[in-house]
C-alpha atoms as a PDB file:
ATOM      1  CA  MET A   1      -0.252   0.028  -0.028  1.00  0.00           C
ATOM      2  CA  THR A   2       1.308   3.418  -0.854  1.00  0.00           C
ATOM      3  CA  ALA A   3       0.929   6.677   0.789  1.00  0.00           C
ATOM      4  CA  LYS A   4      -0.100   9.151  -1.290  1.00  0.00           C
ATOM      5  CA  ARG A   5       1.355  12.177  -1.742  1.00  0.00           C
ATOM      6  CA  THR A   6      -0.132  15.422  -1.362  1.00  0.00           C
ATOM      7  CA  LYS A   7       1.265  18.815  -2.930  1.00  0.00           C
ATOM      8  CA  LYS A   8       1.519  21.528  -0.306  1.00  0.00           C
ATOM      9  CA  HIS A   9      -0.022  24.373  -1.240  1.00  0.00           C
ATOM     10  CA  ALA A  10       2.221  28.131   0.380  1.00  0.00           C
ATOM     11  CA  ILE A  11      -0.115  29.664   2.601  1.00  0.00           C
ATOM     12  CA  MET A  12      -1.001  32.984   1.485  1.00  0.00           C
ATOM     13  CA  PRO A  13      -2.001  35.484   4.202  1.00  0.00           C
ATOM     14  CA  ASN A  14      -4.918  37.416   4.264  1.00  0.00           C
ATOM     15  CA  GLY A  15      -5.800  35.371   1.178  1.00  0.00           C
ATOM     16  CA  LEU A  16      -3.886  37.363  -0.838  1.00  0.00           C
ATOM     17  CA  SER A  17      -2.204  35.890  -4.291  1.00  0.00           C
ATOM     18  CA  GLU A  18       1.226  34.765  -4.953  1.00  0.00           C
ATOM     19  CA  ASP A  19       1.942  37.897  -7.270  1.00  0.00           C
ATOM     20  CA  GLU A  20       0.407  39.966  -4.260  1.00  0.00           C
ATOM     21  CA  VAL A  21       2.436  38.834  -1.974  1.00  0.00           C
ATOM     22  CA  LYS A  22       5.796  38.978  -4.351  1.00  0.00           C
ATOM     23  CA  SER A  23       5.059  42.697  -4.740  1.00  0.00           C
ATOM     24  CA  PHE A  24       4.736  43.091  -0.824  1.00  0.00           C
ATOM     25  CA  ASP A  25       7.656  41.591   0.094  1.00  0.00           C
ATOM     26  CA  GLU A  26       9.848  43.732  -2.660  1.00  0.00           C
ATOM     27  CA  SER A  27       7.874  47.035  -1.104  1.00  0.00           C
ATOM     28  CA  ASN A  28       9.313  45.967   2.310  1.00  0.00           C
ATOM     29  CA  SER A  29      12.732  45.367   1.566  1.00  0.00           C
ATOM     30  CA  GLU A  30      12.817  48.953  -0.510  1.00  0.00           C
ATOM     31  CA  GLU A  31      11.745  50.068   2.208  1.00  0.00           C
ATOM     32  CA  SER A  32      13.872  48.480   4.690  1.00  0.00           C
ATOM     33  CA  ASP A  33      16.839  49.402   2.133  1.00  0.00           C
ATOM     34  CA  SER A  34      16.118  53.143   2.788  1.00  0.00           C
ATOM     35  CA  ALA A  35      16.193  53.095   6.141  1.00  0.00           C
ATOM     36  CA  ALA A  36      19.472  51.774   6.326  1.00  0.00           C
ATOM     37  CA  ASN A  37      20.700  53.969   3.797  1.00  0.00           C
ATOM     38  CA  ASP A  38      19.215  56.690   5.739  1.00  0.00           C
ATOM     39  CA  ILE A  39      20.804  55.328   9.142  1.00  0.00           C
ATOM     40  CA  GLU A  40      24.685  54.988   7.724  1.00  0.00           C
ATOM     41  CA  GLU A  41      23.799  59.084   6.223  1.00  0.00           C
ATOM     42  CA  SER A  42      22.794  60.157   9.782  1.00  0.00           C
ATOM     43  CA  GLU A  43      25.903  58.185  10.983  1.00  0.00           C
ATOM     44  CA  GLU A  44      28.339  59.569   8.682  1.00  0.00           C
ATOM     45  CA  LYS A  45      26.532  63.276   9.557  1.00  0.00           C
ATOM     46  CA  ILE A  46      27.753  62.777  13.564  1.00  0.00           C
ATOM     47  CA  GLU A  47      30.457  65.029  14.271  1.00  0.00           C
ATOM     48  CA  THR A  48      32.540  64.754  17.079  1.00  0.00           C
ATOM     49  CA  PRO A  49      32.428  68.090  19.178  1.00  0.00           C
ATOM     50  CA  ALA A  50      35.436  70.255  19.413  1.00  0.00           C
ATOM     51  CA  ALA A  51      37.909  70.043  22.601  1.00  0.00           C
ATOM     52  CA  GLY A  52      40.426  72.352  21.692  1.00  0.00           C
ATOM     53  CA  PHE A  53      41.473  75.094  24.345  1.00  0.00           C
ATOM     54  CA  VAL A  54      39.767  78.154  23.377  1.00  0.00           C
ATOM     55  CA  ASP A  55      40.625  80.873  26.487  1.00  0.00           C
ATOM     56  CA  ASN A  56      41.590  84.227  25.514  1.00  0.00           C
ATOM     57  CA  LYS A  57      42.675  84.989  28.843  1.00  0.00           C
ATOM     58  CA  PRO A  58      46.487  85.947  29.869  1.00  0.00           C
ATOM     59  CA  PRO A  59      48.078  82.627  31.120  1.00  0.00           C
ATOM     60  CA  PRO A  60      49.407  82.120  34.549  1.00  0.00           C
ATOM     61  CA  PRO A  61      52.666  83.864  36.016  1.00  0.00           C
ATOM     62  CA  ILE A  62      55.293  82.042  35.328  1.00  0.00           C
ATOM     63  CA  ARG A  63      57.304  80.929  38.884  1.00  0.00           C
ATOM     64  CA  ASP A  64      60.445  82.965  37.245  1.00  0.00           C
ATOM     65  CA  GLU A  65      58.275  86.241  36.747  1.00  0.00           C
ATOM     66  CA  LEU A  66      57.112  86.427  40.354  1.00  0.00           C
ATOM     67  CA  GLN A  67      59.360  86.124  43.553  1.00  0.00           C
ATOM     68  CA  PRO A  68      57.754  84.992  46.530  1.00  0.00           C
ATOM     69  CA  ILE A  69      57.254  88.544  48.657  1.00  0.00           C
ATOM     70  CA  ASN A  70      55.365  89.639  44.966  1.00  0.00           C
ATOM     71  CA  TYR A  71      53.034  86.596  45.621  1.00  0.00           C
ATOM     72  CA  LEU A  72      52.457  87.068  49.095  1.00  0.00           C
ATOM     73  CA  TYR A  73      51.486  90.772  48.260  1.00  0.00           C
ATOM     74  CA  PHE A  74      48.839  89.702  45.820  1.00  0.00           C
ATOM     75  CA  MET A  75      47.229  87.269  48.273  1.00  0.00           C
ATOM     76  CA  PHE A  76      47.326  89.573  51.655  1.00  0.00           C
ATOM     77  CA  ASP A  77      46.688  92.392  50.636  1.00  0.00           C
ATOM     78  CA  LYS A  78      45.847  95.980  52.872  1.00  0.00           C
ATOM     79  CA  GLN A  79      42.587  94.672  53.544  1.00  0.00           C
ATOM     80  CA  SER A  80      44.415  91.484  54.835  1.00  0.00           C
ATOM     81  CA  THR A  81      46.446  93.657  56.780  1.00  0.00           C
ATOM     82  CA  THR A  82      44.102  96.190  58.213  1.00  0.00           C
ATOM     83  CA  LEU A  83      41.642  93.075  59.470  1.00  0.00           C
ATOM     84  CA  LEU A  84      44.728  91.530  61.285  1.00  0.00           C
ATOM     85  CA  THR A  85      45.556  94.552  63.024  1.00  0.00           C
ATOM     86  CA  ASN A  86      42.239  95.921  63.908  1.00  0.00           C
ATOM     87  CA  PRO A  87      41.036  92.905  65.617  1.00  0.00           C
ATOM     88  CA  SER A  88      44.317  92.210  67.325  1.00  0.00           C
ATOM     89  CA  ASN A  89      44.628  95.572  68.750  1.00  0.00           C
ATOM     90  CA  LEU A  90      41.201  95.407  70.676  1.00  0.00           C
ATOM     91  CA  TYR A  91      42.026  91.550  71.351  1.00  0.00           C
ATOM     92  CA  SER A  92      44.803  93.118  73.237  1.00  0.00           C
ATOM     93  CA  VAL A  93      42.917  95.603  74.988  1.00  0.00           C
ATOM     94  CA  GLN A  94      40.017  93.448  75.967  1.00  0.00           C
ATOM     95  CA  LYS A  95      42.870  90.968  77.585  1.00  0.00           C
ATOM     96  CA  ASN A  96      44.405  94.135  79.100  1.00  0.00           C
ATOM     97  CA  PRO A  97      41.976  96.889  80.258  1.00  0.00           C
ATOM     98  CA  ASN A  98      44.415  98.832  82.359  1.00  0.00           C
ATOM     99  CA  LYS A  99      47.141  98.722  79.956  1.00  0.00           C
ATOM    100  CA  PRO A 100      47.065 101.976  77.224  1.00  0.00           C
ATOM    101  CA  SER A 101      46.014 101.085  73.722  1.00  0.00           C
ATOM    102  CA  SER A 102      48.699 103.354  72.553  1.00  0.00           C
ATOM    103  CA  ASP A 103      51.745 100.705  73.456  1.00  0.00           C
ATOM    104  CA  THR A 104      49.739  98.031  70.898  1.00  0.00           C
ATOM    105  CA  ARG A 105      48.760 100.353  67.778  1.00  0.00           C
ATOM    106  CA  VAL A 106      51.746 100.778  66.004  1.00  0.00           C
ATOM    107  CA  GLU A 107      51.037 102.693  62.087  1.00  0.00           C
ATOM    108  CA  SER A 108      54.008 100.922  60.607  1.00  0.00           C
ATOM    109  CA  ILE A 109      56.668  98.397  61.351  1.00  0.00           C
ATOM    110  CA  SER A 110      60.277  99.604  61.398  1.00  0.00           C
ATOM    111  CA  SER A 111      62.590  98.058  60.197  1.00  0.00           C
ATOM    112  CA  VAL A 112      64.307  97.282  63.385  1.00  0.00           C
ATOM    113  CA  MET A 113      61.600  95.564  66.326  1.00  0.00           C
ATOM    114  CA  SER A 114      62.440  94.504  69.631  1.00  0.00           C
ATOM    115  CA  ARG A 115      61.809  90.427  70.538  1.00  0.00           C
ATOM    116  CA  ASP A 116      59.122  91.686  73.216  1.00  0.00           C
ATOM    117  CA  ARG A 117      57.207  93.443  70.623  1.00  0.00           C
ATOM    118  CA  PHE A 118      57.208  90.929  68.283  1.00  0.00           C
ATOM    119  CA  LEU A 119      55.942  87.875  70.661  1.00  0.00           C
ATOM    120  CA  GLU A 120      53.572  90.632  72.070  1.00  0.00           C
ATOM    121  CA  ILE A 121      52.131  90.973  68.626  1.00  0.00           C
ATOM    122  CA  LYS A 122      52.033  87.741  67.524  1.00  0.00           C
ATOM    123  CA  LYS A 123      50.289  87.039  71.333  1.00  0.00           C
ATOM    124  CA  TYR A 124      47.579  89.169  70.693  1.00  0.00           C
ATOM    125  CA  LEU A 125      47.114  88.519  66.443  1.00  0.00           C
ATOM    126  CA  HIS A 126      43.182  88.204  66.020  1.00  0.00           C
ATOM    127  CA  VAL A 127      40.993  88.412  62.814  1.00  0.00           C
ATOM    128  CA  THR A 128      37.794  89.042  64.684  1.00  0.00           C
ATOM    129  CA  ASP A 129      36.196  90.413  67.256  1.00  0.00           C
ATOM    130  CA  ASN A 130      35.424  87.675  70.215  1.00  0.00           C
ATOM    131  CA  SER A 131      32.694  89.766  71.571  1.00  0.00           C
ATOM    132  CA  VAL A 132      30.463  89.188  68.462  1.00  0.00           C
ATOM    133  CA  GLN A 133      31.194  85.350  67.873  1.00  0.00           C
ATOM    134  CA  SER A 134      28.547  83.555  67.157  1.00  0.00           C
ATOM    135  CA  ASN A 135      27.186  80.590  69.228  1.00  0.00           C
ATOM    136  CA  ARG A 136      28.276  77.201  68.743  1.00  0.00           C
ATOM    137  CA  THR A 137      24.728  76.031  69.259  1.00  0.00           C
ATOM    138  CA  ASP A 138      23.434  77.995  66.031  1.00  0.00           C
ATOM    139  CA  ILE A 139      22.597  76.255  62.990  1.00  0.00           C
ATOM    140  CA  ASN A 140      25.190  78.706  61.075  1.00  0.00           C
ATOM    141  CA  PHE A 141      27.920  77.909  63.252  1.00  0.00           C
ATOM    142  CA  ASN A 142      31.618  76.790  62.096  1.00  0.00           C
ATOM    143  CA  ARG A 143      34.446  75.961  63.761  1.00  0.00           C
ATOM    144  CA  ALA A 144      36.804  78.112  61.213  1.00  0.00           C
ATOM    145  CA  ASN A 145      34.696  81.111  62.279  1.00  0.00           C
ATOM    146  CA  LYS A 146      37.739  83.413  63.937  1.00  0.00           C
ATOM    147  CA  VAL A 147      40.003  83.043  60.553  1.00  0.00           C
ATOM    148  CA  ARG A 148      36.841  82.665  58.251  1.00  0.00           C
ATOM    149  CA  SER A 149      37.274  86.290  57.392  1.00  0.00           C
ATOM    150  CA  LEU A 150      41.230  86.420  56.185  1.00  0.00           C
ATOM    151  CA  LEU A 151      40.082  83.178  54.723  1.00  0.00           C
ATOM    152  CA  ASN A 152      37.536  84.633  52.104  1.00  0.00           C
ATOM    153  CA  ILE A 153      39.651  87.499  51.425  1.00  0.00           C
ATOM    154  CA  VAL A 154      42.727  85.216  50.284  1.00  0.00           C
ATOM    155  CA  LYS A 155      39.951  82.735  48.494  1.00  0.00           C
ATOM    156  CA  GLU A 156      38.887  85.343  46.336  1.00  0.00           C
ATOM    157  CA  ASN A 157      42.701  86.987  45.441  1.00  0.00           C
ATOM    158  CA  PHE A 158      43.470  83.359  44.277  1.00  0.00           C
ATOM    159  CA  ARG A 159      40.223  83.206  42.459  1.00  0.00           C
ATOM    160  CA  LYS A 160      41.287  86.255  40.409  1.00  0.00           C
ATOM    161  CA  ILE A 161      44.155  84.392  38.715  1.00  0.00           C
ATOM    162  CA  SER A 162      43.393  83.447  34.997  1.00  0.00           C
ATOM    163  CA  LYS A 163      43.091  79.444  35.027  1.00  0.00           C
ATOM    164  CA  GLU A 164      45.192  77.510  32.540  1.00  0.00           C
ATOM    165  CA  GLU A 165      43.790  74.285  30.603  1.00  0.00           C
ATOM    166  CA  LYS A 166      44.602  71.254  32.583  1.00  0.00           C
ATOM    167  CA  LEU A 167      43.589  71.729  36.446  1.00  0.00           C
ATOM    168  CA  SER A 168      43.703  69.178  38.958  1.00  0.00           C
ATOM    169  CA  ILE A 169      41.737  69.236  42.711  1.00  0.00           C
ATOM    170  CA  ASP A 170      43.361  67.325  45.416  1.00  0.00           C
ATOM    171  CA  GLU A 171      43.441  67.383  48.760  1.00  0.00           C
ATOM    172  CA  GLN A 172      46.590  68.829  51.159  1.00  0.00           C
ATOM    173  CA  ILE A 173      47.974  69.357  54.994  1.00  0.00           C
ATOM    174  CA  ILE A 174      48.927  72.255  55.942  1.00  0.00           C
ATOM    175  CA  PRO A 175      51.624  71.577  59.126  1.00  0.00           C
ATOM    176  CA  PHE A 176      50.543  71.338  62.446  1.00  0.00           C
ATOM    177  CA  LYS A 177      50.969  69.970  65.479  1.00  0.00           C
ATOM    178  CA  GLY A 178      49.141  71.895  68.242  1.00  0.00           C
ATOM    179  CA  LYS A 179      46.394  72.125  69.766  1.00  0.00           C
ATOM    180  CA  SER A 180      43.075  72.176  67.747  1.00  0.00           C
ATOM    181  CA  ILE A 181      39.702  70.503  67.318  1.00  0.00           C
ATOM    182  CA  MET A 182      40.178  70.950  63.204  1.00  0.00           C
ATOM    183  CA  LYS A 183      43.619  69.163  63.133  1.00  0.00           C
ATOM    184  CA  GLN A 184      43.261  66.045  60.875  1.00  0.00           C
ATOM    185  CA  HIS A 185      45.219  63.313  60.499  1.00  0.00           C
ATOM    186  CA  MET A 186      46.649  62.074  57.007  1.00  0.00           C
ATOM    187  CA  PRO A 187      49.416  58.876  57.538  1.00  0.00           C
ATOM    188  CA  ASN A 188      49.867  58.667  53.864  1.00  0.00           C
ATOM    189  CA  LYS A 189      50.612  62.339  53.436  1.00  0.00           C
ATOM    190  CA  PRO A 190      54.534  63.641  54.214  1.00  0.00           C
ATOM    191  CA  ASN A 191      53.051  65.398  57.009  1.00  0.00           C
ATOM    192  CA  ARG A 192      50.367  63.635  58.775  1.00  0.00           C
ATOM    193  CA  TRP A 193      49.406  66.367  61.067  1.00  0.00           C
ATOM    194  CA  GLY A 194      48.095  69.468  60.275  1.00  0.00           C
ATOM    195  CA  TYR A 195      45.106  71.550  58.913  1.00  0.00           C
ATOM    196  CA  LYS A 196      43.377  70.102  55.894  1.00  0.00           C
ATOM    197  CA  MET A 197      42.728  71.612  52.754  1.00  0.00           C
ATOM    198  CA  PHE A 198      41.120  71.058  49.465  1.00  0.00           C
ATOM    199  CA  LEU A 199      42.583  72.142  46.414  1.00  0.00           C
ATOM    200  CA  LEU A 200      41.979  73.335  42.401  1.00  0.00           C
ATOM    201  CA  VAL A 201      45.566  73.688  41.147  1.00  0.00           C
ATOM    202  CA  GLY A 202      47.229  74.175  37.674  1.00  0.00           C
ATOM    203  CA  GLY A 203      48.147  70.747  36.050  1.00  0.00           C
ATOM    204  CA  LYS A 204      51.676  72.162  34.804  1.00  0.00           C
ATOM    205  CA  SER A 205      52.298  75.571  37.073  1.00  0.00           C
ATOM    206  CA  SER A 206      50.779  74.034  40.585  1.00  0.00           C
ATOM    207  CA  ILE A 207      49.312  77.886  41.180  1.00  0.00           C
ATOM    208  CA  CYS A 208      46.850  76.891  43.216  1.00  0.00           C
ATOM    209  CA  TYR A 209      43.529  79.003  41.744  1.00  0.00           C
ATOM    210  CA  ASP A 210      40.553  78.260  44.882  1.00  0.00           C
ATOM    211  CA  PHE A 211      40.824  76.181  47.865  1.00  0.00           C
ATOM    212  CA  ILE A 212      38.331  74.686  50.554  1.00  0.00           C
ATOM    213  CA  PHE A 213      39.447  75.055  54.592  1.00  0.00           C
ATOM    214  CA  TYR A 214      38.221  71.488  56.495  1.00  0.00           C
ATOM    215  CA  ALA A 215      36.810  72.669  59.227  1.00  0.00           C
ATOM    216  CA  GLY A 216      35.475  69.110  59.985  1.00  0.00           C
ATOM    217  CA  LYS A 217      31.780  67.498  59.184  1.00  0.00           C
ATOM    218  CA  ASN A 218      28.733  68.980  58.539  1.00  0.00           C
ATOM    219  CA  ASP A 219      25.327  67.899  57.540  1.00  0.00           C
ATOM    220  CA  LYS A 220      24.775  70.330  54.586  1.00  0.00           C
ATOM    221  CA  LYS A 221      25.520  67.660  51.586  1.00  0.00           C
ATOM    222  CA  LYS A 222      23.797  67.841  48.316  1.00  0.00           C
ATOM    223  CA  HIS A 223      25.132  65.169  46.557  1.00  0.00           C
ATOM    224  CA  GLY A 224      27.681  63.067  48.859  1.00  0.00           C
ATOM    225  CA  PHE A 225      30.621  65.018  50.512  1.00  0.00           C
ATOM    226  CA  CYS A 226      33.391  64.042  47.766  1.00  0.00           C
ATOM    227  CA  THR A 227      31.360  65.309  44.754  1.00  0.00           C
ATOM    228  CA  ASP A 228      30.401  68.481  46.751  1.00  0.00           C
ATOM    229  CA  ILE A 229      34.010  69.277  46.811  1.00  0.00           C
ATOM    230  CA  VAL A 230      34.346  68.723  42.932  1.00  0.00           C
ATOM    231  CA  LEU A 231      31.324  70.890  42.346  1.00  0.00           C
ATOM    232  CA  ASP A 232      32.387  74.053  44.916  1.00  0.00           C
ATOM    233  CA  LEU A 233      35.681  74.160  43.411  1.00  0.00           C
ATOM    234  CA  CYS A 234      34.644  74.180  39.855  1.00  0.00           C
ATOM    235  CA  GLU A 235      32.145  77.071  40.603  1.00  0.00           C
ATOM    236  CA  THR A 236      34.728  79.431  39.167  1.00  0.00           C
ATOM    237  CA  VAL A 237      36.164  77.613  36.062  1.00  0.00           C
ATOM    238  CA  PRO A 238      34.970  78.925  33.676  1.00  0.00           C
ATOM    239  CA  ARG A 239      32.173  77.004  30.817  1.00  0.00           C
ATOM    240  CA  PHE A 240      32.274  76.593  27.506  1.00  0.00           C
ATOM    241  CA  ILE A 241      35.922  76.781  26.829  1.00  0.00           C
ATOM    242  CA  ASN A 242      36.606  73.119  27.129  1.00  0.00           C
ATOM    243  CA  HIS A 243      39.149  73.187  30.699  1.00  0.00           C
ATOM    244  CA  LYS A 244      40.548  69.779  31.860  1.00  0.00           C
ATOM    245  CA  VAL A 245      39.491  68.871  35.887  1.00  0.00           C
ATOM    246  CA  TYR A 246      41.851  65.813  36.951  1.00  0.00           C
ATOM    247  CA  PHE A 247      41.113  64.378  40.632  1.00  0.00           C
ATOM    248  CA  ASP A 248      42.436  60.780  42.119  1.00  0.00           C
ATOM    249  CA  ASN A 249      38.973  58.258  42.520  1.00  0.00           C
ATOM    250  CA  TYR A 250      39.059  59.720  46.459  1.00  0.00           C
ATOM    251  CA  PHE A 251      36.311  61.713  44.750  1.00  0.00           C
ATOM    252  CA  THR A 252      34.451  59.423  42.902  1.00  0.00           C
ATOM    253  CA  THR A 253      33.466  57.589  45.880  1.00  0.00           C
ATOM    254  CA  ILE A 254      29.654  57.614  46.969  1.00  0.00           C
ATOM    255  CA  ARG A 255      30.834  58.856  50.826  1.00  0.00           C
END
């Protein structure tokens, strides 16, 4: 007994004939080819944005052009001197009310100064008036309040320097071994004990353009401690002229 062979007929979608199916397939293939061509043309039109440095400001000063004393006068101007002089004289009078104020009020420093005079000035050196200090329970209280005014002046002077193309953000220790609640310990630094600073410096010149003085932990965090440091230091970096900012993996953590 032989099995009957049945002829298989192609199933046409929706009752279409073979000619209609062929024309339908050809139109679909043409549309897919045109779509592929459009994608290729769109990919060819994509251009990589230029990353060249386009800053037209004068470059930062070369080290050989300025002496260390010039940098000191630039950062600590007359405003800083006045800020140091008046509160220091006031503090001296507050500590010694029976002593004439003329003994500590000096208009200019002579070329020769006695040891006792120098030690006296150093002893009463102050930046702010202690009688108007904010309370420690205040929300806006900062541990560095006594030097904050001077730090702000120096900070603004640093920000005035035109920035180079490549910038770097890193932390640094100001050596200090005395007693202070703001003293930090960083075992991997050459100077392990001292005040902690976060700096924005030039990649080649090492000139400081901005800084953050670390006075301790606080609850004012927007995106995380490390992220806030980078964003705060980049506030004064000019936009849309392709500066490059570098920092290590410490600032990429989520802490």
